[in-house]
Amino acid sequence: MLHSAIHKLANFMALLGGIVLCLLVLMVCVSVSGRELSDLAHGGFLRGLGDWLIDLGVGPILGDFELVEAGVAFAIFAFLPLTQLSGAHARVDVFTQGLGPRVNGALSTFWTVVMAGIIVLITWRLYAGMQDKIRYNETSYLIQFPIWWAYAASFCAAVTASIVSLYCAAMRLTGQRDI
C-alpha cells in the first residue's frame, strides 16, 4: 500500500512538473512571437501598425524570464521523485560493469542513501532560503512577484522528493523490495 502511494505521489509530481514545463514553453513561444510581431510592426513598411498592435496588447510578455526561472526550478524538483524512484539518474558504469551483482547492488544501495541525504539537505536549505525571502520581502525585478512564491513551490516538490528518496533508501537498506 505504501509502495503504491509513493508511486502515485512521484507520478503526480512528474505530471505537475510536465504541465508547468509545457505552460512555460507555450509562454516563451507567445512572448517571442509577440516580440517579433512588435518589432516587425514598428519597422519597415508596417510602421503604422505598431501603435495599434500595442493597444491590442501584442508584444513580449513582461517578466517572461522571471517566470521561466521560477517555473523551471519547480519542474526540476517535481521530476526528482520519479527520477529517484525509477533509478534514472545518470550513471557511468565503465568501472562497475564487471564487478558482479552483489557489489553493484551494494553500490546502488550506497548511492541511493547518499542521494536521499543530499535531497533532504537541499530541501532543508531551500526552506531556509524561503524563510529569508519571506523575511526580507524580496520581489522579482520586473513583475514584482514575491520571490518566496517560487521557493515555496520548489520546496513542496523538494519535500516530495525527500519523502520518495527516503523511502527508496529504506527499501534498499532493508532489502524488502527492488525499487
N, C-alpha and C. Protein backbone atom coordinates (compact mmCIF):
# COMPACT_ATOMS: atom_id res chain seq x y z
N MET A 1 0.82 -1.19 0.00
CA MET A 1 0.00 0.00 0.00
C MET A 1 0.87 1.26 0.00
N LEU A 2 1.90 1.30 0.86
CA LEU A 2 2.80 2.45 0.89
C LEU A 2 3.54 2.57 -0.44
N HIS A 3 3.94 1.44 -0.99
CA HIS A 3 4.65 1.45 -2.28
C HIS A 3 3.78 2.08 -3.37
N SER A 4 2.51 1.73 -3.39
CA SER A 4 1.58 2.28 -4.38
C SER A 4 1.40 3.79 -4.17
N ALA A 5 1.28 4.21 -2.92
CA ALA A 5 1.10 5.63 -2.62
C ALA A 5 2.34 6.43 -3.03
N ILE A 6 3.52 5.88 -2.79
CA ILE A 6 4.76 6.56 -3.18
C ILE A 6 4.84 6.69 -4.70
N HIS A 7 4.47 5.63 -5.40
CA HIS A 7 4.46 5.68 -6.87
C HIS A 7 3.47 6.73 -7.37
N LYS A 8 2.29 6.76 -6.80
CA LYS A 8 1.29 7.74 -7.22
C LYS A 8 1.77 9.17 -6.95
N LEU A 9 2.39 9.37 -5.80
CA LEU A 9 2.92 10.69 -5.44
C LEU A 9 4.00 11.13 -6.42
N ALA A 10 4.93 10.23 -6.73
CA ALA A 10 6.01 10.54 -7.67
C ALA A 10 5.46 10.82 -9.07
N ASN A 11 4.51 10.02 -9.50
CA ASN A 11 3.91 10.24 -10.83
C ASN A 11 3.13 11.54 -10.88
N PHE A 12 2.40 11.86 -9.81
CA PHE A 12 1.65 13.11 -9.76
C PHE A 12 2.58 14.31 -9.85
N MET A 13 3.69 14.28 -9.11
CA MET A 13 4.63 15.40 -9.14
C MET A 13 5.27 15.54 -10.53
N ALA A 14 5.60 14.41 -11.16
CA ALA A 14 6.18 14.47 -12.50
C ALA A 14 5.17 15.04 -13.50
N LEU A 15 3.91 14.65 -13.37
CA LEU A 15 2.86 15.18 -14.24
C LEU A 15 2.71 16.68 -14.03
N LEU A 16 2.69 17.10 -12.77
CA LEU A 16 2.58 18.53 -12.46
C LEU A 16 3.78 19.30 -13.01
N GLY A 17 4.98 18.75 -12.84
CA GLY A 17 6.17 19.38 -13.40
C GLY A 17 6.11 19.47 -14.91
N GLY A 18 5.60 18.43 -15.55
CA GLY A 18 5.46 18.43 -17.00
C GLY A 18 4.46 19.47 -17.48
N ILE A 19 3.36 19.62 -16.76
CA ILE A 19 2.36 20.63 -17.12
C ILE A 19 2.96 22.03 -17.01
N VAL A 20 3.67 22.28 -15.91
CA VAL A 20 4.32 23.59 -15.72
C VAL A 20 5.32 23.84 -16.84
N LEU A 21 6.11 22.83 -17.18
CA LEU A 21 7.11 22.98 -18.23
C LEU A 21 6.45 23.27 -19.59
N CYS A 22 5.36 22.58 -19.89
CA CYS A 22 4.63 22.83 -21.14
C CYS A 22 4.06 24.24 -21.18
N LEU A 23 3.50 24.69 -20.06
CA LEU A 23 2.98 26.06 -20.00
C LEU A 23 4.10 27.09 -20.17
N LEU A 24 5.27 26.81 -19.63
CA LEU A 24 6.41 27.72 -19.80
C LEU A 24 6.84 27.78 -21.26
N VAL A 25 6.87 26.63 -21.93
CA VAL A 25 7.24 26.60 -23.34
C VAL A 25 6.23 27.41 -24.15
N LEU A 26 4.95 27.23 -23.87
CA LEU A 26 3.90 27.99 -24.56
C LEU A 26 4.07 29.49 -24.31
N MET A 27 4.35 29.86 -23.05
CA MET A 27 4.52 31.28 -22.72
C MET A 27 5.72 31.87 -23.46
N VAL A 28 6.82 31.14 -23.54
CA VAL A 28 8.00 31.64 -24.24
C VAL A 28 7.70 31.80 -25.73
N CYS A 29 6.97 30.86 -26.31
CA CYS A 29 6.59 30.97 -27.72
C CYS A 29 5.73 32.21 -27.97
N VAL A 30 4.76 32.44 -27.10
CA VAL A 30 3.90 33.61 -27.23
C VAL A 30 4.72 34.89 -27.05
N SER A 31 5.61 34.91 -26.08
CA SER A 31 6.42 36.09 -25.82
C SER A 31 7.36 36.41 -26.98
N VAL A 32 8.03 35.39 -27.51
CA VAL A 32 8.95 35.61 -28.64
C VAL A 32 8.17 36.03 -29.87
N SER A 33 7.02 35.40 -30.11
CA SER A 33 6.19 35.79 -31.26
C SER A 33 5.71 37.22 -31.11
N GLY A 34 5.28 37.58 -29.93
CA GLY A 34 4.83 38.95 -29.69
C GLY A 34 5.96 39.95 -29.87
N ARG A 35 7.14 39.59 -29.43
CA ARG A 35 8.30 40.48 -29.59
C ARG A 35 8.61 40.67 -31.08
N GLU A 36 8.56 39.59 -31.84
CA GLU A 36 8.85 39.68 -33.28
C GLU A 36 7.77 40.46 -34.02
N LEU A 37 6.51 40.22 -33.67
CA LEU A 37 5.42 40.98 -34.30
C LEU A 37 5.55 42.46 -33.99
N SER A 38 5.88 42.76 -32.75
CA SER A 38 6.04 44.16 -32.35
C SER A 38 7.19 44.81 -33.10
N ASP A 39 8.32 44.09 -33.22
CA ASP A 39 9.46 44.63 -33.97
C ASP A 39 9.11 44.83 -35.43
N LEU A 40 8.40 43.87 -36.01
CA LEU A 40 8.01 43.96 -37.41
C LEU A 40 7.06 45.14 -37.63
N ALA A 41 6.13 45.35 -36.70
CA ALA A 41 5.14 46.41 -36.85
C ALA A 41 5.74 47.80 -36.62
N HIS A 42 6.86 47.88 -35.93
CA HIS A 42 7.48 49.19 -35.67
C HIS A 42 8.56 49.54 -36.68
N GLY A 43 8.81 48.66 -37.60
CA GLY A 43 9.86 48.95 -38.58
C GLY A 43 9.36 48.69 -39.98
N GLY A 44 10.04 49.25 -40.93
CA GLY A 44 9.74 48.99 -42.33
C GLY A 44 8.39 49.52 -42.76
N PHE A 45 7.77 48.80 -43.70
CA PHE A 45 6.51 49.28 -44.31
C PHE A 45 5.29 49.07 -43.41
N LEU A 46 5.43 48.32 -42.29
CA LEU A 46 4.30 48.09 -41.39
C LEU A 46 4.31 49.05 -40.20
N ARG A 47 5.09 50.12 -40.30
CA ARG A 47 5.29 51.03 -39.18
C ARG A 47 3.99 51.54 -38.56
N GLY A 48 2.98 51.76 -39.34
CA GLY A 48 1.72 52.29 -38.83
C GLY A 48 0.96 51.31 -37.94
N LEU A 49 1.26 50.02 -38.03
CA LEU A 49 0.56 49.03 -37.23
C LEU A 49 1.07 48.96 -35.79
N GLY A 50 2.24 49.50 -35.54
CA GLY A 50 2.89 49.37 -34.23
C GLY A 50 2.03 49.81 -33.07
N ASP A 51 1.50 51.05 -33.14
CA ASP A 51 0.69 51.57 -32.04
C ASP A 51 -0.61 50.77 -31.89
N TRP A 52 -1.18 50.37 -33.00
CA TRP A 52 -2.42 49.59 -32.97
C TRP A 52 -2.19 48.24 -32.30
N LEU A 53 -1.06 47.57 -32.62
CA LEU A 53 -0.74 46.28 -32.01
C LEU A 53 -0.46 46.42 -30.51
N ILE A 54 0.20 47.51 -30.14
CA ILE A 54 0.47 47.74 -28.72
C ILE A 54 -0.85 47.93 -27.97
N ASP A 55 -1.79 48.65 -28.58
CA ASP A 55 -3.10 48.84 -27.96
C ASP A 55 -3.83 47.50 -27.78
N LEU A 56 -3.58 46.55 -28.68
CA LEU A 56 -4.18 45.22 -28.57
C LEU A 56 -3.45 44.34 -27.56
N GLY A 57 -2.31 44.79 -27.11
CA GLY A 57 -1.53 44.00 -26.15
C GLY A 57 -0.55 43.04 -26.80
N VAL A 58 -0.28 43.22 -28.09
CA VAL A 58 0.66 42.36 -28.78
C VAL A 58 2.08 42.83 -28.46
N GLY A 59 2.88 41.92 -28.00
CA GLY A 59 4.27 42.24 -27.67
C GLY A 59 4.81 41.17 -26.75
N PRO A 60 6.02 41.36 -26.29
CA PRO A 60 6.60 40.36 -25.39
C PRO A 60 5.87 40.34 -24.05
N ILE A 61 5.92 39.20 -23.38
CA ILE A 61 5.32 39.09 -22.05
C ILE A 61 6.30 39.67 -21.04
N LEU A 62 5.83 40.63 -20.28
CA LEU A 62 6.68 41.28 -19.29
C LEU A 62 7.12 40.26 -18.23
N GLY A 63 8.40 40.17 -18.00
CA GLY A 63 8.93 39.29 -16.96
C GLY A 63 8.94 37.82 -17.34
N ASP A 64 8.92 37.54 -18.64
CA ASP A 64 8.87 36.14 -19.06
C ASP A 64 10.06 35.34 -18.51
N PHE A 65 11.22 35.94 -18.48
CA PHE A 65 12.39 35.21 -17.99
C PHE A 65 12.31 34.95 -16.49
N GLU A 66 11.63 35.84 -15.75
CA GLU A 66 11.45 35.62 -14.31
C GLU A 66 10.52 34.43 -14.07
N LEU A 67 9.48 34.35 -14.87
CA LEU A 67 8.54 33.23 -14.75
C LEU A 67 9.19 31.91 -15.17
N VAL A 68 10.01 31.96 -16.21
CA VAL A 68 10.72 30.75 -16.66
C VAL A 68 11.67 30.28 -15.57
N GLU A 69 12.39 31.20 -14.97
CA GLU A 69 13.32 30.85 -13.90
C GLU A 69 12.62 30.16 -12.74
N ALA A 70 11.51 30.71 -12.29
CA ALA A 70 10.77 30.12 -11.18
C ALA A 70 10.13 28.79 -11.57
N GLY A 71 9.56 28.73 -12.77
CA GLY A 71 8.87 27.52 -13.21
C GLY A 71 9.81 26.36 -13.47
N VAL A 72 10.96 26.62 -14.05
CA VAL A 72 11.91 25.55 -14.32
C VAL A 72 12.48 25.00 -13.01
N ALA A 73 12.72 25.88 -12.05
CA ALA A 73 13.19 25.40 -10.73
C ALA A 73 12.17 24.44 -10.13
N PHE A 74 10.89 24.81 -10.19
CA PHE A 74 9.85 23.92 -9.68
C PHE A 74 9.84 22.60 -10.45
N ALA A 75 9.90 22.68 -11.78
CA ALA A 75 9.83 21.47 -12.61
C ALA A 75 10.97 20.51 -12.29
N ILE A 76 12.16 21.04 -12.08
CA ILE A 76 13.30 20.17 -11.75
C ILE A 76 13.03 19.42 -10.46
N PHE A 77 12.58 20.14 -9.44
CA PHE A 77 12.28 19.47 -8.17
C PHE A 77 11.10 18.52 -8.31
N ALA A 78 10.15 18.84 -9.19
CA ALA A 78 8.99 17.97 -9.39
C ALA A 78 9.36 16.66 -10.08
N PHE A 79 10.40 16.68 -10.91
CA PHE A 79 10.82 15.46 -11.60
C PHE A 79 11.71 14.58 -10.73
N LEU A 80 12.29 15.13 -9.68
CA LEU A 80 13.21 14.35 -8.83
C LEU A 80 12.58 13.11 -8.20
N PRO A 81 11.34 13.16 -7.68
CA PRO A 81 10.80 11.94 -7.06
C PRO A 81 10.72 10.75 -8.02
N LEU A 82 10.22 10.98 -9.23
CA LEU A 82 10.11 9.88 -10.19
C LEU A 82 11.49 9.42 -10.64
N THR A 83 12.40 10.35 -10.79
CA THR A 83 13.77 10.01 -11.17
C THR A 83 14.40 9.13 -10.10
N GLN A 84 14.21 9.49 -8.85
CA GLN A 84 14.78 8.71 -7.75
C GLN A 84 14.11 7.34 -7.65
N LEU A 85 12.81 7.32 -7.77
CA LEU A 85 12.06 6.07 -7.65
C LEU A 85 12.43 5.07 -8.75
N SER A 86 12.63 5.58 -9.94
CA SER A 86 12.95 4.68 -11.06
C SER A 86 14.45 4.47 -11.23
N GLY A 87 15.25 5.13 -10.41
CA GLY A 87 16.71 4.97 -10.52
C GLY A 87 17.24 5.47 -11.84
N ALA A 88 16.67 6.55 -12.33
CA ALA A 88 17.01 7.06 -13.66
C ALA A 88 18.07 8.15 -13.65
N HIS A 89 18.78 8.32 -12.54
CA HIS A 89 19.86 9.30 -12.52
C HIS A 89 20.96 8.86 -13.47
N ALA A 90 21.73 9.80 -13.95
CA ALA A 90 22.83 9.49 -14.87
C ALA A 90 23.87 8.62 -14.16
N ARG A 91 24.37 7.64 -14.87
CA ARG A 91 25.37 6.72 -14.31
C ARG A 91 26.53 6.58 -15.28
N VAL A 92 27.67 6.29 -14.73
CA VAL A 92 28.83 5.92 -15.53
C VAL A 92 29.24 4.54 -15.05
N ASP A 93 28.92 3.53 -15.85
CA ASP A 93 29.14 2.13 -15.44
C ASP A 93 30.43 1.54 -15.98
N VAL A 94 31.32 2.38 -16.46
CA VAL A 94 32.56 1.88 -17.05
C VAL A 94 33.36 1.05 -16.05
N PHE A 95 33.45 1.52 -14.81
CA PHE A 95 34.27 0.84 -13.80
C PHE A 95 33.52 -0.25 -13.05
N THR A 96 32.21 -0.20 -13.06
CA THR A 96 31.45 -1.13 -12.22
C THR A 96 30.80 -2.29 -12.97
N GLN A 97 30.78 -2.25 -14.29
CA GLN A 97 30.05 -3.27 -15.04
C GLN A 97 30.62 -4.67 -14.85
N GLY A 98 31.87 -4.80 -14.49
CA GLY A 98 32.46 -6.12 -14.32
C GLY A 98 32.58 -6.55 -12.87
N LEU A 99 31.97 -5.84 -11.94
CA LEU A 99 32.13 -6.14 -10.52
C LEU A 99 31.17 -7.20 -9.99
N GLY A 100 30.15 -7.53 -10.70
CA GLY A 100 29.22 -8.54 -10.24
C GLY A 100 27.99 -7.94 -9.59
N PRO A 101 26.92 -8.74 -9.48
CA PRO A 101 25.64 -8.24 -8.99
C PRO A 101 25.66 -7.83 -7.51
N ARG A 102 26.40 -8.54 -6.66
CA ARG A 102 26.43 -8.19 -5.24
C ARG A 102 27.08 -6.84 -5.00
N VAL A 103 28.23 -6.64 -5.61
CA VAL A 103 28.95 -5.36 -5.44
C VAL A 103 28.13 -4.23 -6.05
N ASN A 104 27.57 -4.46 -7.23
CA ASN A 104 26.75 -3.42 -7.85
C ASN A 104 25.50 -3.12 -7.03
N GLY A 105 24.92 -4.13 -6.42
CA GLY A 105 23.78 -3.91 -5.52
C GLY A 105 24.17 -3.07 -4.31
N ALA A 106 25.34 -3.37 -3.74
CA ALA A 106 25.82 -2.59 -2.59
C ALA A 106 26.11 -1.16 -3.00
N LEU A 107 26.72 -0.97 -4.17
CA LEU A 107 26.98 0.39 -4.66
C LEU A 107 25.69 1.14 -4.92
N SER A 108 24.72 0.45 -5.48
CA SER A 108 23.43 1.08 -5.74
C SER A 108 22.75 1.50 -4.44
N THR A 109 22.83 0.65 -3.43
CA THR A 109 22.27 0.99 -2.11
C THR A 109 23.00 2.19 -1.52
N PHE A 110 24.32 2.17 -1.60
CA PHE A 110 25.12 3.29 -1.07
C PHE A 110 24.72 4.60 -1.72
N TRP A 111 24.65 4.62 -3.06
CA TRP A 111 24.32 5.86 -3.76
C TRP A 111 22.87 6.28 -3.55
N THR A 112 21.97 5.34 -3.34
CA THR A 112 20.58 5.69 -3.03
C THR A 112 20.50 6.39 -1.69
N VAL A 113 21.25 5.88 -0.70
CA VAL A 113 21.28 6.52 0.63
C VAL A 113 21.93 7.89 0.55
N VAL A 114 23.03 8.01 -0.19
CA VAL A 114 23.71 9.30 -0.34
C VAL A 114 22.78 10.30 -1.02
N MET A 115 22.09 9.87 -2.07
CA MET A 115 21.18 10.76 -2.77
C MET A 115 20.03 11.21 -1.87
N ALA A 116 19.52 10.31 -1.05
CA ALA A 116 18.46 10.68 -0.10
C ALA A 116 18.98 11.77 0.85
N GLY A 117 20.19 11.59 1.35
CA GLY A 117 20.77 12.60 2.24
C GLY A 117 20.95 13.93 1.55
N ILE A 118 21.39 13.91 0.30
CA ILE A 118 21.58 15.15 -0.44
C ILE A 118 20.25 15.85 -0.71
N ILE A 119 19.24 15.09 -1.09
CA ILE A 119 17.92 15.70 -1.35
C ILE A 119 17.34 16.30 -0.07
N VAL A 120 17.48 15.60 1.04
CA VAL A 120 17.00 16.15 2.32
C VAL A 120 17.76 17.42 2.67
N LEU A 121 19.06 17.43 2.46
CA LEU A 121 19.88 18.62 2.73
C LEU A 121 19.44 19.79 1.85
N ILE A 122 19.23 19.53 0.56
CA ILE A 122 18.78 20.59 -0.34
C ILE A 122 17.41 21.11 0.08
N THR A 123 16.53 20.21 0.49
CA THR A 123 15.19 20.62 0.94
C THR A 123 15.28 21.52 2.17
N TRP A 124 16.13 21.15 3.11
CA TRP A 124 16.31 21.95 4.32
C TRP A 124 16.84 23.34 3.98
N ARG A 125 17.84 23.42 3.08
CA ARG A 125 18.42 24.71 2.71
C ARG A 125 17.44 25.53 1.87
N LEU A 126 16.62 24.87 1.09
CA LEU A 126 15.59 25.57 0.32
C LEU A 126 14.59 26.21 1.27
N TYR A 127 14.25 25.50 2.33
CA TYR A 127 13.34 26.06 3.34
C TYR A 127 13.97 27.28 4.01
N ALA A 128 15.26 27.17 4.36
CA ALA A 128 15.95 28.30 4.98
C ALA A 128 16.00 29.50 4.04
N GLY A 129 16.26 29.24 2.76
CA GLY A 129 16.27 30.33 1.78
C GLY A 129 14.90 30.96 1.62
N MET A 130 13.85 30.13 1.65
CA MET A 130 12.49 30.65 1.55
C MET A 130 12.17 31.55 2.74
N GLN A 131 12.61 31.16 3.92
CA GLN A 131 12.38 31.98 5.11
C GLN A 131 13.07 33.35 4.97
N ASP A 132 14.27 33.38 4.41
CA ASP A 132 14.96 34.65 4.18
C ASP A 132 14.20 35.51 3.18
N LYS A 133 13.71 34.91 2.11
CA LYS A 133 12.97 35.67 1.10
C LYS A 133 11.68 36.24 1.68
N ILE A 134 11.04 35.50 2.58
CA ILE A 134 9.83 36.00 3.24
C ILE A 134 10.19 37.14 4.17
N ARG A 135 11.23 36.94 4.96
CA ARG A 135 11.64 37.94 5.96
C ARG A 135 12.02 39.27 5.31
N TYR A 136 12.74 39.22 4.19
CA TYR A 136 13.21 40.45 3.55
C TYR A 136 12.26 40.96 2.47
N ASN A 137 11.14 40.26 2.26
CA ASN A 137 10.12 40.67 1.31
C ASN A 137 10.71 40.95 -0.08
N GLU A 138 11.59 40.07 -0.53
CA GLU A 138 12.26 40.24 -1.81
C GLU A 138 11.30 39.92 -2.95
N THR A 139 11.33 40.76 -3.99
CA THR A 139 10.47 40.57 -5.15
C THR A 139 11.31 40.50 -6.42
N SER A 140 10.69 40.00 -7.48
CA SER A 140 11.39 39.94 -8.76
C SER A 140 11.50 41.36 -9.33
N TYR A 141 12.38 41.53 -10.28
CA TYR A 141 12.70 42.86 -10.79
C TYR A 141 11.58 43.48 -11.60
N LEU A 142 11.06 42.76 -12.58
CA LEU A 142 10.10 43.37 -13.49
C LEU A 142 8.65 43.26 -13.04
N ILE A 143 8.21 42.08 -12.70
CA ILE A 143 6.79 41.94 -12.38
C ILE A 143 6.51 41.99 -10.88
N GLN A 144 7.56 42.09 -10.11
CA GLN A 144 7.45 42.32 -8.67
C GLN A 144 6.69 41.24 -7.91
N PHE A 145 6.75 39.97 -8.37
CA PHE A 145 6.12 38.93 -7.57
C PHE A 145 7.09 38.51 -6.47
N PRO A 146 6.56 38.17 -5.30
CA PRO A 146 7.44 37.77 -4.19
C PRO A 146 8.25 36.53 -4.55
N ILE A 147 9.55 36.61 -4.38
CA ILE A 147 10.46 35.51 -4.72
C ILE A 147 10.12 34.26 -3.91
N TRP A 148 9.60 34.44 -2.71
CA TRP A 148 9.34 33.27 -1.87
C TRP A 148 8.28 32.36 -2.48
N TRP A 149 7.44 32.89 -3.37
CA TRP A 149 6.45 32.04 -4.02
C TRP A 149 7.14 30.92 -4.81
N ALA A 150 8.18 31.28 -5.54
CA ALA A 150 8.93 30.29 -6.31
C ALA A 150 9.63 29.31 -5.37
N TYR A 151 10.17 29.83 -4.27
CA TYR A 151 10.82 28.97 -3.29
C TYR A 151 9.81 28.02 -2.66
N ALA A 152 8.60 28.51 -2.38
CA ALA A 152 7.57 27.67 -1.76
C ALA A 152 7.14 26.54 -2.70
N ALA A 153 6.96 26.86 -3.97
CA ALA A 153 6.59 25.82 -4.94
C ALA A 153 7.70 24.77 -5.05
N SER A 154 8.94 25.23 -5.15
CA SER A 154 10.07 24.30 -5.24
C SER A 154 10.22 23.51 -3.95
N PHE A 155 9.96 24.15 -2.82
CA PHE A 155 10.06 23.47 -1.53
C PHE A 155 9.04 22.33 -1.43
N CYS A 156 7.81 22.57 -1.88
CA CYS A 156 6.80 21.50 -1.85
C CYS A 156 7.24 20.30 -2.70
N ALA A 157 7.79 20.58 -3.86
CA ALA A 157 8.28 19.49 -4.71
C ALA A 157 9.49 18.82 -4.08
N ALA A 158 10.36 19.60 -3.41
CA ALA A 158 11.54 19.03 -2.77
C ALA A 158 11.15 18.17 -1.56
N VAL A 159 10.11 18.55 -0.84
CA VAL A 159 9.62 17.71 0.27
C VAL A 159 9.15 16.36 -0.28
N THR A 160 8.44 16.41 -1.39
CA THR A 160 8.00 15.17 -2.02
C THR A 160 9.21 14.33 -2.45
N ALA A 161 10.21 14.98 -3.02
CA ALA A 161 11.43 14.27 -3.42
C ALA A 161 12.13 13.67 -2.21
N SER A 162 12.12 14.37 -1.09
CA SER A 162 12.73 13.85 0.14
C SER A 162 11.99 12.61 0.63
N ILE A 163 10.68 12.67 0.63
CA ILE A 163 9.88 11.53 1.07
C ILE A 163 10.16 10.31 0.19
N VAL A 164 10.14 10.51 -1.11
CA VAL A 164 10.37 9.40 -2.04
C VAL A 164 11.80 8.87 -1.90
N SER A 165 12.78 9.75 -1.79
CA SER A 165 14.17 9.28 -1.71
C SER A 165 14.44 8.58 -0.38
N LEU A 166 13.83 9.03 0.71
CA LEU A 166 13.98 8.32 1.99
C LEU A 166 13.32 6.95 1.92
N TYR A 167 12.18 6.87 1.26
CA TYR A 167 11.52 5.59 1.05
C TYR A 167 12.42 4.64 0.25
N CYS A 168 12.99 5.17 -0.83
CA CYS A 168 13.88 4.35 -1.67
C CYS A 168 15.09 3.86 -0.87
N ALA A 169 15.66 4.74 -0.06
CA ALA A 169 16.82 4.35 0.75
C ALA A 169 16.43 3.28 1.76
N ALA A 170 15.27 3.45 2.40
CA ALA A 170 14.81 2.45 3.37
C ALA A 170 14.56 1.10 2.71
N MET A 171 13.97 1.10 1.54
CA MET A 171 13.71 -0.15 0.82
C MET A 171 15.02 -0.83 0.42
N ARG A 172 15.98 -0.05 -0.03
CA ARG A 172 17.28 -0.63 -0.42
C ARG A 172 18.01 -1.19 0.80
N LEU A 173 17.98 -0.43 1.90
CA LEU A 173 18.71 -0.86 3.09
C LEU A 173 18.12 -2.12 3.72
N THR A 174 16.79 -2.23 3.67
CA THR A 174 16.15 -3.40 4.27
C THR A 174 16.01 -4.55 3.30
N GLY A 175 16.24 -4.28 2.02
CA GLY A 175 16.15 -5.33 1.02
C GLY A 175 14.74 -5.86 0.82
N GLN A 176 13.74 -5.09 1.24
CA GLN A 176 12.36 -5.54 1.15
C GLN A 176 11.83 -5.56 -0.27
N ARG A 177 12.29 -4.63 -1.08
CA ARG A 177 11.73 -4.52 -2.43
C ARG A 177 12.76 -3.88 -3.33
N ASP A 178 12.90 -4.42 -4.52
CA ASP A 178 13.76 -3.79 -5.50
C ASP A 178 12.96 -2.67 -6.14
N ILE A 179 13.45 -1.48 -6.02
CA ILE A 179 12.71 -0.30 -6.46
C ILE A 179 12.82 -0.10 -7.94
